[in-house]
């Protein structure tokens, strides 16, 4: 709930919730420098929507409409008070630990204990370890910093609509990068209508190089978890 309150607070402060969900279902901002980038991305996205008036670029138009719809669905999950940050982390660790044996999980757990990180899994099952790892990472996250870095504060500058689309464009770009770098995790998020919310945890994943876990050794996975928590 804490994480959802942080997300909703920023969405409200930056007027992202002013983008009506019913409109999105039917039709379709770190510092000043980042705010400019966000506004620029929004202006570009709005410009792309002019492609809807030409037959040649209907694919661009339809893709953006789909992204708007998927973003709205992600916001809907937040408004339902679902802990989407924890959920996205849990899905990630479920993918990482899916085919790990009990001995491998025990090895990873001992590597983490050696650096004073304790994963409180009641049993060394794949699902139980994924839940515990997600809980540990979520507990150490400073989500408000992550959101403010991505969204910025442009609500009082008279350009809220463009800013909204800047956030949506950033969300779409983050989802596209994830689709390319970690297709399995992207697909798992997509199935839960959360891939457009990945931008909320993208800075954490980039800092920890978390996408490398898909082909990493058990020792490297322990290192990634350590970086995610610290």
C-alpha atoms as a PDB file:
ATOM      1  CA  UNK A   1       0.000   0.000   0.000  1.00  0.00           C
ATOM      2  CA  UNK A   2       2.848   2.432   0.800  1.00  0.00           C
ATOM      3  CA  UNK A   3       4.255   2.104  -2.691  1.00  0.00           C
ATOM      4  CA  UNK A   4       0.843   2.613  -4.285  1.00  0.00           C
ATOM      5  CA  UNK A   5       0.272   5.764  -2.219  1.00  0.00           C
ATOM      6  CA  UNK A   6       3.613   7.106  -3.491  1.00  0.00           C
ATOM      7  CA  UNK A   7       2.662   6.360  -7.089  1.00  0.00           C
ATOM      8  CA  UNK A   8      -0.844   7.826  -6.780  1.00  0.00           C
ATOM      9  CA  UNK A   9       0.531  10.953  -5.069  1.00  0.00           C
ATOM     10  CA  UNK A  10       2.845  11.668  -8.000  1.00  0.00           C
ATOM     11  CA  UNK A  11       0.183  10.857 -10.568  1.00  0.00           C
ATOM     12  CA  UNK A  12      -2.194  13.295  -8.900  1.00  0.00           C
ATOM     13  CA  UNK A  13       0.429  16.008  -8.340  1.00  0.00           C
ATOM     14  CA  UNK A  14       1.409  15.926 -11.989  1.00  0.00           C
ATOM     15  CA  UNK A  15      -2.177  15.652 -13.229  1.00  0.00           C
ATOM     16  CA  UNK A  16      -1.594  12.324 -14.929  1.00  0.00           C
ATOM     17  CA  UNK A  17      -4.931  11.179 -13.566  1.00  0.00           C
ATOM     18  CA  UNK A  18      -6.512  14.034 -15.499  1.00  0.00           C
ATOM     19  CA  UNK A  19      -6.148  11.805 -18.531  1.00  0.00           C
ATOM     20  CA  UNK A  20      -9.567  10.174 -18.350  1.00  0.00           C
ATOM     21  CA  UNK A  21      -9.422   6.401 -18.365  1.00  0.00           C
ATOM     22  CA  UNK A  22     -12.624   6.126 -20.363  1.00  0.00           C
ATOM     23  CA  UNK A  23     -11.113   8.391 -23.030  1.00  0.00           C
ATOM     24  CA  UNK A  24      -7.956   6.283 -23.103  1.00  0.00           C
ATOM     25  CA  UNK A  25     -10.030   3.140 -23.500  1.00  0.00           C
ATOM     26  CA  UNK A  26     -12.061   4.520 -26.384  1.00  0.00           C
ATOM     27  CA  UNK A  27      -9.663   6.857 -28.263  1.00  0.00           C
ATOM     28  CA  UNK A  28      -6.765   6.892 -27.257  1.00  0.00           C
ATOM     29  CA  UNK A  29       7.739  14.181 -16.611  1.00  0.00           C
ATOM     30  CA  UNK A  30      14.541  14.336 -12.254  1.00  0.00           C
ATOM     31  CA  UNK A  31      15.559  17.873 -12.715  1.00  0.00           C
ATOM     32  CA  UNK A  32      14.794  20.691 -15.150  1.00  0.00           C
ATOM     33  CA  UNK A  33      16.744  18.950 -17.898  1.00  0.00           C
ATOM     34  CA  UNK A  34      14.717  15.796 -17.429  1.00  0.00           C
ATOM     35  CA  UNK A  35      11.484  17.768 -17.408  1.00  0.00           C
ATOM     36  CA  UNK A  36      12.473  19.239 -20.763  1.00  0.00           C
ATOM     37  CA  UNK A  37      13.137  15.745 -22.075  1.00  0.00           C
ATOM     38  CA  UNK A  38       9.760  14.581 -20.801  1.00  0.00           C
ATOM     39  CA  UNK A  39       7.964  17.528 -22.353  1.00  0.00           C
ATOM     40  CA  UNK A  40       9.842  16.951 -25.592  1.00  0.00           C
ATOM     41  CA  UNK A  41       8.863  13.297 -25.615  1.00  0.00           C
ATOM     42  CA  UNK A  42       5.252  14.302 -25.041  1.00  0.00           C
ATOM     43  CA  UNK A  43       5.328  16.825 -27.867  1.00  0.00           C
ATOM     44  CA  UNK A  44       6.787  14.176 -30.154  1.00  0.00           C
ATOM     45  CA  UNK A  45       4.080  11.730 -29.145  1.00  0.00           C
ATOM     46  CA  UNK A  46       1.369  14.290 -29.832  1.00  0.00           C
ATOM     47  CA  UNK A  47       2.985  14.984 -33.190  1.00  0.00           C
ATOM     48  CA  UNK A  48       2.964  11.291 -34.004  1.00  0.00           C
ATOM     49  CA  UNK A  49      -0.772  11.304 -33.454  1.00  0.00           C
ATOM     50  CA  UNK A  50      -1.122  13.450 -36.547  1.00  0.00           C
ATOM     51  CA  UNK A  51      -0.253  10.247 -38.410  1.00  0.00           C
ATOM     52  CA  UNK A  52      -3.794   9.124 -37.650  1.00  0.00           C
ATOM     53  CA  UNK A  53      -4.921  11.445 -40.432  1.00  0.00           C
ATOM     54  CA  UNK A  54      -2.826   9.695 -43.061  1.00  0.00           C
ATOM     55  CA  UNK A  55      -3.166   6.198 -44.426  1.00  0.00           C
ATOM     56  CA  UNK A  56       0.601   5.656 -44.596  1.00  0.00           C
ATOM     57  CA  UNK A  57       1.161   5.812 -40.828  1.00  0.00           C
ATOM     58  CA  UNK A  58      -1.809   3.957 -39.422  1.00  0.00           C
ATOM     59  CA  UNK A  59       0.568   1.454 -37.805  1.00  0.00           C
ATOM     60  CA  UNK A  60       2.159   4.269 -35.745  1.00  0.00           C
ATOM     61  CA  UNK A  61      -1.238   5.581 -34.775  1.00  0.00           C
ATOM     62  CA  UNK A  62      -2.559   2.165 -33.747  1.00  0.00           C
ATOM     63  CA  UNK A  63       0.587   1.359 -31.754  1.00  0.00           C
ATOM     64  CA  UNK A  64       0.282   4.578 -29.739  1.00  0.00           C
ATOM     65  CA  UNK A  65      -3.400   3.990 -29.100  1.00  0.00           C
ATOM     66  CA  UNK A  66      -2.545   0.520 -27.831  1.00  0.00           C
ATOM     67  CA  UNK A  67       0.179   1.952 -25.577  1.00  0.00           C
ATOM     68  CA  UNK A  68      -2.257   4.536 -24.176  1.00  0.00           C
ATOM     69  CA  UNK A  69      -4.732   1.767 -23.463  1.00  0.00           C
ATOM     70  CA  UNK A  70      -2.122  -0.395 -21.775  1.00  0.00           C
ATOM     71  CA  UNK A  71      -0.891   2.596 -19.703  1.00  0.00           C
ATOM     72  CA  UNK A  72      -4.451   3.290 -18.588  1.00  0.00           C
ATOM     73  CA  UNK A  73      -4.868  -0.319 -17.536  1.00  0.00           C
ATOM     74  CA  UNK A  74      -1.668  -0.095 -15.494  1.00  0.00           C
ATOM     75  CA  UNK A  75      -2.967   3.026 -13.739  1.00  0.00           C
ATOM     76  CA  UNK A  76      -6.235   1.193 -13.131  1.00  0.00           C
ATOM     77  CA  UNK A  77      -4.336  -1.505 -11.226  1.00  0.00           C
ATOM     78  CA  UNK A  78      -2.727   1.227  -9.092  1.00  0.00           C
ATOM     79  CA  UNK A  79      -6.119   2.780  -8.358  1.00  0.00           C
ATOM     80  CA  UNK A  80      -7.405  -0.619  -7.269  1.00  0.00           C
ATOM     81  CA  UNK A  81      -4.746  -0.398  -4.519  1.00  0.00           C
ATOM     82  CA  UNK A  82      -2.773  -3.302  -5.905  1.00  0.00           C
ATOM     83  CA  UNK A  83       0.894  -3.262  -4.859  1.00  0.00           C
ATOM     84  CA  UNK A  84       2.174  -3.242  -8.409  1.00  0.00           C
ATOM     85  CA  UNK A  85       5.805  -2.543  -7.478  1.00  0.00           C
ATOM     86  CA  UNK A  86       5.934  -5.671  -5.353  1.00  0.00           C
ATOM     87  CA  UNK A  87       4.001  -7.559  -8.012  1.00  0.00           C
ATOM     88  CA  UNK A  88       6.445  -6.588 -10.767  1.00  0.00           C
ATOM     89  CA  UNK A  89       9.385  -7.593  -8.575  1.00  0.00           C
ATOM     90  CA  UNK A  90       7.727 -10.901  -7.713  1.00  0.00           C
ATOM     91  CA  UNK A  91       7.146 -11.651 -11.395  1.00  0.00           C
ATOM     92  CA  UNK A  92      10.812 -10.875 -12.078  1.00  0.00           C
ATOM     93  CA  UNK A  93      12.093 -13.236  -9.401  1.00  0.00           C
ATOM     94  CA  UNK A  94       9.642 -15.923 -10.462  1.00  0.00           C
ATOM     95  CA  UNK A  95      11.246 -15.777 -13.899  1.00  0.00           C
ATOM     96  CA  UNK A  96      14.766 -15.841 -12.446  1.00  0.00           C
ATOM     97  CA  UNK A  97      14.151 -18.736 -10.055  1.00  0.00           C
ATOM     98  CA  UNK A  98      11.721 -20.718 -12.226  1.00  0.00           C
ATOM     99  CA  UNK A  99      14.145 -23.525 -13.048  1.00  0.00           C
ATOM    100  CA  UNK A 100      16.443 -23.312 -10.033  1.00  0.00           C
ATOM    101  CA  UNK A 101      16.848 -26.389  -7.855  1.00  0.00           C
ATOM    102  CA  UNK A 102      16.650 -26.297  -4.063  1.00  0.00           C
ATOM    103  CA  UNK A 103      20.423 -26.635  -3.901  1.00  0.00           C
ATOM    104  CA  UNK A 104      20.875 -23.626  -6.201  1.00  0.00           C
ATOM    105  CA  UNK A 105      18.458 -21.538  -4.157  1.00  0.00           C
ATOM    106  CA  UNK A 106      20.270 -22.569  -0.970  1.00  0.00           C
ATOM    107  CA  UNK A 107      23.584 -21.519  -2.550  1.00  0.00           C
ATOM    108  CA  UNK A 108      22.180 -18.111  -3.535  1.00  0.00           C
ATOM    109  CA  UNK A 109      20.722 -17.676  -0.047  1.00  0.00           C
ATOM    110  CA  UNK A 110      24.090 -18.401   1.601  1.00  0.00           C
ATOM    111  CA  UNK A 111      25.886 -16.005  -0.768  1.00  0.00           C
ATOM    112  CA  UNK A 112      23.449 -13.283   0.282  1.00  0.00           C
ATOM    113  CA  UNK A 113      23.858 -14.122   3.976  1.00  0.00           C
ATOM    114  CA  UNK A 114      27.629 -13.698   3.548  1.00  0.00           C
ATOM    115  CA  UNK A 115      27.014 -10.011   2.711  1.00  0.00           C
ATOM    116  CA  UNK A 116      24.436  -9.636   5.509  1.00  0.00           C
ATOM    117  CA  UNK A 117      21.356  -9.924   3.321  1.00  0.00           C
ATOM    118  CA  UNK A 118      18.803 -12.327   4.686  1.00  0.00           C
ATOM    119  CA  UNK A 119      15.996 -13.583   2.436  1.00  0.00           C
ATOM    120  CA  UNK A 120      13.301 -14.712   4.837  1.00  0.00           C
ATOM    121  CA  UNK A 121      11.930 -17.591   2.771  1.00  0.00           C
ATOM    122  CA  UNK A 122       9.978 -20.089   4.833  1.00  0.00           C
ATOM    123  CA  UNK A 123      10.982 -22.832   2.407  1.00  0.00           C
ATOM    124  CA  UNK A 124      13.419 -23.118  -0.479  1.00  0.00           C
ATOM    125  CA  UNK A 125      10.785 -23.460  -3.169  1.00  0.00           C
ATOM    126  CA  UNK A 126      10.964 -21.375  -6.328  1.00  0.00           C
ATOM    127  CA  UNK A 127       7.756 -19.511  -5.517  1.00  0.00           C
ATOM    128  CA  UNK A 128       8.560 -18.975  -1.850  1.00  0.00           C
ATOM    129  CA  UNK A 129      12.036 -17.666  -2.617  1.00  0.00           C
ATOM    130  CA  UNK A 130      10.628 -15.333  -5.296  1.00  0.00           C
ATOM    131  CA  UNK A 131       8.107 -13.895  -2.824  1.00  0.00           C
ATOM    132  CA  UNK A 132      10.777 -13.384  -0.157  1.00  0.00           C
ATOM    133  CA  UNK A 133      13.274 -11.800  -2.566  1.00  0.00           C
ATOM    134  CA  UNK A 134      10.628  -9.418  -3.908  1.00  0.00           C
ATOM    135  CA  UNK A 135       9.677  -8.415  -0.370  1.00  0.00           C
ATOM    136  CA  UNK A 136      13.311  -7.717   0.548  1.00  0.00           C
ATOM    137  CA  UNK A 137      13.952  -5.581  -2.542  1.00  0.00           C
ATOM    138  CA  UNK A 138      10.669  -3.680  -2.205  1.00  0.00           C
ATOM    139  CA  UNK A 139      11.404  -2.926   1.455  1.00  0.00           C
ATOM    140  CA  UNK A 140      14.663  -1.220   0.492  1.00  0.00           C
ATOM    141  CA  UNK A 141      13.324   0.825  -2.403  1.00  0.00           C
ATOM    142  CA  UNK A 142      13.049   4.595  -2.226  1.00  0.00           C
ATOM    143  CA  UNK A 143      10.231   4.688  -4.722  1.00  0.00           C
ATOM    144  CA  UNK A 144       9.487   8.387  -4.366  1.00  0.00           C
ATOM    145  CA  UNK A 145      12.961   9.176  -5.686  1.00  0.00           C
ATOM    146  CA  UNK A 146      12.507   6.825  -8.599  1.00  0.00           C
ATOM    147  CA  UNK A 147       9.179   8.362  -9.560  1.00  0.00           C
ATOM    148  CA  UNK A 148      10.293  11.954  -9.197  1.00  0.00           C
ATOM    149  CA  UNK A 149      13.317  11.230 -11.351  1.00  0.00           C
ATOM    150  CA  UNK A 150      11.105   9.883 -14.104  1.00  0.00           C
ATOM    151  CA  UNK A 151       8.091  12.140 -13.883  1.00  0.00           C
ATOM    152  CA  UNK A 152       9.377  15.515 -12.728  1.00  0.00           C
ATOM    153  CA  UNK A 153       7.054  18.359 -11.765  1.00  0.00           C
ATOM    154  CA  UNK A 154       5.618  20.245 -14.693  1.00  0.00           C
ATOM    155  CA  UNK A 155       2.001  20.476 -13.567  1.00  0.00           C
ATOM    156  CA  UNK A 156       2.157  24.209 -12.846  1.00  0.00           C
ATOM    157  CA  UNK A 157       3.723  25.168 -16.143  1.00  0.00           C
ATOM    158  CA  UNK A 158       0.571  25.121 -18.219  1.00  0.00           C
ATOM    159  CA  UNK A 159       1.685  22.141 -20.285  1.00  0.00           C
ATOM    160  CA  UNK A 160       0.103  19.287 -18.377  1.00  0.00           C
ATOM    161  CA  UNK A 161      -1.340  17.568 -21.430  1.00  0.00           C
ATOM    162  CA  UNK A 162       2.013  17.426 -23.194  1.00  0.00           C
ATOM    163  CA  UNK A 163       3.635  16.351 -19.932  1.00  0.00           C
ATOM    164  CA  UNK A 164       1.169  13.498 -19.558  1.00  0.00           C
ATOM    165  CA  UNK A 165       2.071  12.226 -22.978  1.00  0.00           C
ATOM    166  CA  UNK A 166       5.738  12.618 -22.081  1.00  0.00           C
ATOM    167  CA  UNK A 167       5.247  10.204 -19.187  1.00  0.00           C
ATOM    168  CA  UNK A 168       3.339   7.794 -21.407  1.00  0.00           C
ATOM    169  CA  UNK A 169       6.104   8.014 -24.011  1.00  0.00           C
ATOM    170  CA  UNK A 170       8.763   7.344 -21.354  1.00  0.00           C
ATOM    171  CA  UNK A 171       6.705   4.379 -20.164  1.00  0.00           C
ATOM    172  CA  UNK A 172       6.418   3.072 -23.724  1.00  0.00           C
ATOM    173  CA  UNK A 173      10.157   3.505 -24.338  1.00  0.00           C
ATOM    174  CA  UNK A 174      10.988   1.631 -21.119  1.00  0.00           C
ATOM    175  CA  UNK A 175       8.624  -1.182 -22.071  1.00  0.00           C
ATOM    176  CA  UNK A 176      10.167  -1.400 -25.547  1.00  0.00           C
ATOM    177  CA  UNK A 177      13.671  -1.627 -24.102  1.00  0.00           C
ATOM    178  CA  UNK A 178      12.563  -4.378 -21.745  1.00  0.00           C
ATOM    179  CA  UNK A 179      10.901  -6.232 -24.627  1.00  0.00           C
ATOM    180  CA  UNK A 180      14.252  -6.219 -26.436  1.00  0.00           C
ATOM    181  CA  UNK A 181      16.542  -6.966 -23.479  1.00  0.00           C
ATOM    182  CA  UNK A 182      14.394  -9.427 -21.504  1.00  0.00           C
ATOM    183  CA  UNK A 183      11.495 -10.768 -23.618  1.00  0.00           C
ATOM    184  CA  UNK A 184      10.369 -13.379 -21.089  1.00  0.00           C
ATOM    185  CA  UNK A 185       9.980 -10.829 -18.285  1.00  0.00           C
ATOM    186  CA  UNK A 186       8.242  -8.421 -20.635  1.00  0.00           C
ATOM    187  CA  UNK A 187       5.788 -11.142 -21.648  1.00  0.00           C
ATOM    188  CA  UNK A 188       5.095 -11.994 -18.003  1.00  0.00           C
ATOM    189  CA  UNK A 189       4.382  -8.335 -17.188  1.00  0.00           C
ATOM    190  CA  UNK A 190       2.256  -7.970 -20.319  1.00  0.00           C
ATOM    191  CA  UNK A 191       0.097 -10.897 -19.264  1.00  0.00           C
ATOM    192  CA  UNK A 192      -0.686  -9.007 -16.034  1.00  0.00           C
ATOM    193  CA  UNK A 193      -1.214  -5.649 -17.835  1.00  0.00           C
ATOM    194  CA  UNK A 194       1.841  -4.182 -16.082  1.00  0.00           C
ATOM    195  CA  UNK A 195       4.457  -3.764 -18.819  1.00  0.00           C
ATOM    196  CA  UNK A 196       3.687  -0.032 -19.198  1.00  0.00           C
ATOM    197  CA  UNK A 197       4.316   0.414 -15.457  1.00  0.00           C
ATOM    198  CA  UNK A 198       7.833  -1.041 -15.734  1.00  0.00           C
ATOM    199  CA  UNK A 199       9.195   2.536 -16.023  1.00  0.00           C
ATOM    200  CA  UNK A 200       8.571   2.875 -12.265  1.00  0.00           C
ATOM    201  CA  UNK A 201      11.260   0.309 -11.459  1.00  0.00           C
ATOM    202  CA  UNK A 202      13.430   0.690 -14.584  1.00  0.00           C
ATOM    203  CA  UNK A 203      16.070   2.869 -12.810  1.00  0.00           C
ATOM    204  CA  UNK A 204      16.518   0.161 -10.174  1.00  0.00           C
ATOM    205  CA  UNK A 205      16.883  -2.533 -12.835  1.00  0.00           C
ATOM    206  CA  UNK A 206      19.346  -0.456 -14.833  1.00  0.00           C
ATOM    207  CA  UNK A 207      21.448   0.353 -11.768  1.00  0.00           C
ATOM    208  CA  UNK A 208      21.556  -3.297 -10.694  1.00  0.00           C
ATOM    209  CA  UNK A 209      21.903  -4.601 -14.275  1.00  0.00           C
ATOM    210  CA  UNK A 210      19.006  -6.856 -13.373  1.00  0.00           C
ATOM    211  CA  UNK A 211      18.179  -7.995 -16.915  1.00  0.00           C
ATOM    212  CA  UNK A 212      21.499  -9.871 -17.019  1.00  0.00           C
ATOM    213  CA  UNK A 213      20.080 -12.338 -14.491  1.00  0.00           C
ATOM    214  CA  UNK A 214      18.375 -14.263 -17.296  1.00  0.00           C
ATOM    215  CA  UNK A 215      21.715 -15.794 -18.347  1.00  0.00           C
ATOM    216  CA  UNK A 216      23.765 -15.193 -15.176  1.00  0.00           C
ATOM    217  CA  UNK A 217      25.370 -17.734 -12.867  1.00  0.00           C
ATOM    218  CA  UNK A 218      23.997 -18.230  -9.372  1.00  0.00           C
ATOM    219  CA  UNK A 219      26.866 -16.128  -7.972  1.00  0.00           C
ATOM    220  CA  UNK A 220      26.023 -13.299 -10.387  1.00  0.00           C
ATOM    221  CA  UNK A 221      22.344 -13.497  -9.463  1.00  0.00           C
ATOM    222  CA  UNK A 222      23.294 -13.052  -5.800  1.00  0.00           C
ATOM    223  CA  UNK A 223      25.351  -9.993  -6.803  1.00  0.00           C
ATOM    224  CA  UNK A 224      22.380  -8.557  -8.715  1.00  0.00           C
ATOM    225  CA  UNK A 225      20.050  -9.032  -5.746  1.00  0.00           C
ATOM    226  CA  UNK A 226      22.631  -7.364  -3.507  1.00  0.00           C
ATOM    227  CA  UNK A 227      22.778  -4.332  -5.805  1.00  0.00           C
ATOM    228  CA  UNK A 228      18.977  -4.166  -5.961  1.00  0.00           C
ATOM    229  CA  UNK A 229      18.679  -4.128  -2.175  1.00  0.00           C
ATOM    230  CA  UNK A 230      21.575  -1.750  -1.537  1.00  0.00           C
END
